Amino acid sequence: MHTYNRSDRIEHQVQKEVCELLLRKVKDPRINCITVTGVKVTHDLRQARIYYTLPRRDKERSDEVEEGLKSATSFVRAELGKRLRLRRVPEICFIKDEFYEQALRVSESIARLEREGEKGSDDER
């Protein structure tokens, strides 16, 4: 049985609250398209890295989204301070999550190789 430590519970709560804040409270149109994919909080609870991803159609707006998140960081942290019962609110940092893009590229490569393999086996017949 896995026991969750305090930082795991806080990560889950921070992710839930940040999603809610970005969806309902932050009015910046530059960041209306992001998805929060995860949160990693240090064990001393001083820093929180918030990972996000963009839809494929918005990849060219990556710099614009990053600027919007930078401008919203202090507001999000202040709101977290009001919503979470913590002695110290962690410093937050938004980080673009590259994992999903890499996984999608690998998946597309596998599908392409499978198609090429099927064409090759059809040519042998």
C-alpha atoms as a PDB file:
ATOM      1  CA  MET A   1       0.000   0.000   0.000  1.00  0.00           C
ATOM      2  CA  HIS A   2       1.379   3.383  -1.025  1.00  0.00           C
ATOM      3  CA  THR A   3       1.297   6.094   1.585  1.00  0.00           C
ATOM      4  CA  TYR A   4       1.227   9.636   0.307  1.00  0.00           C
ATOM      5  CA  ASN A   5       3.456  12.179   1.923  1.00  0.00           C
ATOM      6  CA  ARG A   6       2.494  15.775   2.503  1.00  0.00           C
ATOM      7  CA  SER A   7       4.171  17.130  -0.630  1.00  0.00           C
ATOM      8  CA  ASP A   8       2.161  14.671  -2.783  1.00  0.00           C
ATOM      9  CA  ARG A   9      -1.095  15.918  -1.292  1.00  0.00           C
ATOM     10  CA  ILE A  10      -0.034  19.542  -1.730  1.00  0.00           C
ATOM     11  CA  GLU A  11       0.943  18.890  -5.376  1.00  0.00           C
ATOM     12  CA  HIS A  12      -2.536  17.549  -6.064  1.00  0.00           C
ATOM     13  CA  GLN A  13      -4.188  20.499  -4.327  1.00  0.00           C
ATOM     14  CA  VAL A  14      -1.973  23.073  -6.072  1.00  0.00           C
ATOM     15  CA  GLN A  15      -2.764  21.530  -9.466  1.00  0.00           C
ATOM     16  CA  LYS A  16      -6.490  21.608  -8.748  1.00  0.00           C
ATOM     17  CA  GLU A  17      -6.399  25.234  -7.581  1.00  0.00           C
ATOM     18  CA  VAL A  18      -4.153  26.454 -10.421  1.00  0.00           C
ATOM     19  CA  CYS A  19      -6.443  24.843 -13.002  1.00  0.00           C
ATOM     20  CA  GLU A  20      -9.431  26.543 -11.397  1.00  0.00           C
ATOM     21  CA  LEU A  21      -7.659  29.905 -11.258  1.00  0.00           C
ATOM     22  CA  LEU A  22      -6.462  29.796 -14.862  1.00  0.00           C
ATOM     23  CA  LEU A  23      -9.879  28.727 -16.060  1.00  0.00           C
ATOM     24  CA  ARG A  24     -12.071  31.097 -14.071  1.00  0.00           C
ATOM     25  CA  LYS A  25     -10.075  33.968 -12.553  1.00  0.00           C
ATOM     26  CA  VAL A  26      -7.190  34.855 -14.869  1.00  0.00           C
ATOM     27  CA  LYS A  27      -8.575  37.017 -17.657  1.00  0.00           C
ATOM     28  CA  ASP A  28      -5.455  37.079 -19.836  1.00  0.00           C
ATOM     29  CA  PRO A  29      -6.452  35.795 -23.313  1.00  0.00           C
ATOM     30  CA  ARG A  30      -2.893  34.616 -23.973  1.00  0.00           C
ATOM     31  CA  ILE A  31      -3.280  31.698 -21.563  1.00  0.00           C
ATOM     32  CA  ASN A  32      -6.806  30.512 -22.217  1.00  0.00           C
ATOM     33  CA  CYS A  33      -5.621  27.458 -24.151  1.00  0.00           C
ATOM     34  CA  ILE A  34      -3.164  25.741 -21.796  1.00  0.00           C
ATOM     35  CA  THR A  35      -3.567  22.448 -19.960  1.00  0.00           C
ATOM     36  CA  VAL A  36      -1.859  21.939 -16.605  1.00  0.00           C
ATOM     37  CA  THR A  37      -0.291  18.482 -16.834  1.00  0.00           C
ATOM     38  CA  GLY A  38       1.355  18.263 -13.447  1.00  0.00           C
ATOM     39  CA  VAL A  39       2.831  19.943 -10.418  1.00  0.00           C
ATOM     40  CA  LYS A  40       6.029  19.075  -8.603  1.00  0.00           C
ATOM     41  CA  VAL A  41       6.594  20.579  -5.160  1.00  0.00           C
ATOM     42  CA  THR A  42       9.930  20.405  -3.386  1.00  0.00           C
ATOM     43  CA  HIS A  43       9.978  18.493  -0.105  1.00  0.00           C
ATOM     44  CA  ASP A  44      10.498  21.704   1.870  1.00  0.00           C
ATOM     45  CA  LEU A  45       7.407  23.159   0.082  1.00  0.00           C
ATOM     46  CA  ARG A  46       9.288  26.298  -0.961  1.00  0.00           C
ATOM     47  CA  GLN A  47       8.996  25.849  -4.725  1.00  0.00           C
ATOM     48  CA  ALA A  48       6.340  24.462  -7.041  1.00  0.00           C
ATOM     49  CA  ARG A  49       6.990  23.700 -10.700  1.00  0.00           C
ATOM     50  CA  ILE A  50       3.753  23.775 -12.674  1.00  0.00           C
ATOM     51  CA  TYR A  51       3.951  21.911 -15.978  1.00  0.00           C
ATOM     52  CA  TYR A  52       1.676  22.888 -18.837  1.00  0.00           C
ATOM     53  CA  THR A  53       1.119  21.985 -22.449  1.00  0.00           C
ATOM     54  CA  LEU A  54      -0.464  23.701 -25.441  1.00  0.00           C
ATOM     55  CA  PRO A  55      -2.749  22.274 -28.096  1.00  0.00           C
ATOM     56  CA  ARG A  56      -0.982  21.560 -31.380  1.00  0.00           C
ATOM     57  CA  ARG A  57      -2.758  24.394 -33.138  1.00  0.00           C
ATOM     58  CA  ASP A  58      -1.310  26.921 -30.658  1.00  0.00           C
ATOM     59  CA  LYS A  59       2.374  25.901 -30.812  1.00  0.00           C
ATOM     60  CA  GLU A  60       3.320  29.083 -32.673  1.00  0.00           C
ATOM     61  CA  ARG A  61       1.963  31.122 -29.733  1.00  0.00           C
ATOM     62  CA  SER A  62       4.336  29.470 -27.249  1.00  0.00           C
ATOM     63  CA  ASP A  63       6.289  32.661 -26.476  1.00  0.00           C
ATOM     64  CA  GLU A  64       3.092  34.657 -26.092  1.00  0.00           C
ATOM     65  CA  VAL A  65       1.659  32.067 -23.687  1.00  0.00           C
ATOM     66  CA  GLU A  66       4.897  32.065 -21.692  1.00  0.00           C
ATOM     67  CA  GLU A  67       4.708  35.847 -21.298  1.00  0.00           C
ATOM     68  CA  GLY A  68       1.079  35.590 -20.190  1.00  0.00           C
ATOM     69  CA  LEU A  69       1.978  33.014 -17.552  1.00  0.00           C
ATOM     70  CA  LYS A  70       4.851  35.157 -16.290  1.00  0.00           C
ATOM     71  CA  SER A  71       2.500  38.085 -15.849  1.00  0.00           C
ATOM     72  CA  ALA A  72      -0.067  35.914 -14.051  1.00  0.00           C
ATOM     73  CA  THR A  73       2.410  34.221 -11.693  1.00  0.00           C
ATOM     74  CA  SER A  74       2.138  36.699  -8.821  1.00  0.00           C
ATOM     75  CA  PHE A  75      -1.667  36.710  -9.016  1.00  0.00           C
ATOM     76  CA  VAL A  76      -1.811  32.900  -9.034  1.00  0.00           C
ATOM     77  CA  ARG A  77       0.571  32.673  -6.071  1.00  0.00           C
ATOM     78  CA  ALA A  78      -1.427  35.243  -4.100  1.00  0.00           C
ATOM     79  CA  GLU A  79      -4.652  33.363  -4.776  1.00  0.00           C
ATOM     80  CA  LEU A  80      -3.011  30.084  -3.752  1.00  0.00           C
ATOM     81  CA  GLY A  81      -2.075  31.758  -0.485  1.00  0.00           C
ATOM     82  CA  LYS A  82      -5.733  32.543   0.147  1.00  0.00           C
ATOM     83  CA  ARG A  83      -6.977  29.078  -0.832  1.00  0.00           C
ATOM     84  CA  LEU A  84      -4.374  26.782   0.704  1.00  0.00           C
ATOM     85  CA  ARG A  85      -3.753  26.413   4.394  1.00  0.00           C
ATOM     86  CA  LEU A  86       0.009  26.625   4.365  1.00  0.00           C
ATOM     87  CA  ARG A  87       2.414  28.541   6.535  1.00  0.00           C
ATOM     88  CA  ARG A  88       4.428  29.483   3.454  1.00  0.00           C
ATOM     89  CA  VAL A  89       3.065  29.586  -0.094  1.00  0.00           C
ATOM     90  CA  PRO A  90       5.568  28.042  -2.517  1.00  0.00           C
ATOM     91  CA  GLU A  91       7.229  30.143  -5.190  1.00  0.00           C
ATOM     92  CA  ILE A  92       5.728  28.994  -8.481  1.00  0.00           C
ATOM     93  CA  CYS A  93       7.329  28.525 -11.846  1.00  0.00           C
ATOM     94  CA  PHE A  94       5.491  27.558 -15.029  1.00  0.00           C
ATOM     95  CA  ILE A  95       7.378  25.092 -17.231  1.00  0.00           C
ATOM     96  CA  LYS A  96       6.325  23.945 -20.679  1.00  0.00           C
ATOM     97  CA  ASP A  97       5.857  20.169 -20.589  1.00  0.00           C
ATOM     98  CA  GLU A  98       7.706  18.619 -23.513  1.00  0.00           C
ATOM     99  CA  PHE A  99       6.818  15.026 -22.589  1.00  0.00           C
ATOM    100  CA  TYR A 100       3.519  14.948 -24.484  1.00  0.00           C
ATOM    101  CA  GLU A 101       5.075  16.394 -27.623  1.00  0.00           C
ATOM    102  CA  GLN A 102       7.853  13.803 -27.509  1.00  0.00           C
ATOM    103  CA  ALA A 103       5.354  10.988 -26.943  1.00  0.00           C
ATOM    104  CA  LEU A 104       3.267  12.196 -29.881  1.00  0.00           C
ATOM    105  CA  ARG A 105       6.318  12.301 -32.158  1.00  0.00           C
ATOM    106  CA  VAL A 106       7.292   8.764 -31.146  1.00  0.00           C
ATOM    107  CA  SER A 107       3.736   7.547 -31.714  1.00  0.00           C
ATOM    108  CA  GLU A 108       3.625   9.169 -35.154  1.00  0.00           C
ATOM    109  CA  SER A 109       6.988   7.626 -36.039  1.00  0.00           C
ATOM    110  CA  ILE A 110       5.794   4.169 -35.018  1.00  0.00           C
ATOM    111  CA  ALA A 111       2.607   4.564 -37.058  1.00  0.00           C
ATOM    112  CA  ARG A 112       4.645   5.716 -40.077  1.00  0.00           C
ATOM    113  CA  LEU A 113       7.010   2.745 -39.758  1.00  0.00           C
ATOM    114  CA  GLU A 114       4.059   0.357 -39.503  1.00  0.00           C
ATOM    115  CA  ARG A 115       2.542   1.833 -42.672  1.00  0.00           C
ATOM    116  CA  GLU A 116       5.870   1.527 -44.484  1.00  0.00           C
ATOM    117  CA  GLY A 117       6.189  -2.062 -43.232  1.00  0.00           C
ATOM    118  CA  GLU A 118       2.729  -2.904 -44.562  1.00  0.00           C
ATOM    119  CA  LYS A 119       3.587  -1.393 -47.940  1.00  0.00           C
ATOM    120  CA  GLY A 120       6.812  -3.403 -48.027  1.00  0.00           C
ATOM    121  CA  SER A 121       5.020  -6.662 -47.271  1.00  0.00           C
ATOM    122  CA  ASP A 122       2.423  -5.906 -49.992  1.00  0.00           C
ATOM    123  CA  ASP A 123       5.245  -5.323 -52.519  1.00  0.00           C
ATOM    124  CA  GLU A 124       6.772  -8.722 -51.699  1.00  0.00           C
ATOM    125  CA  ARG A 125       3.587 -10.562 -52.653  1.00  0.00           C
END
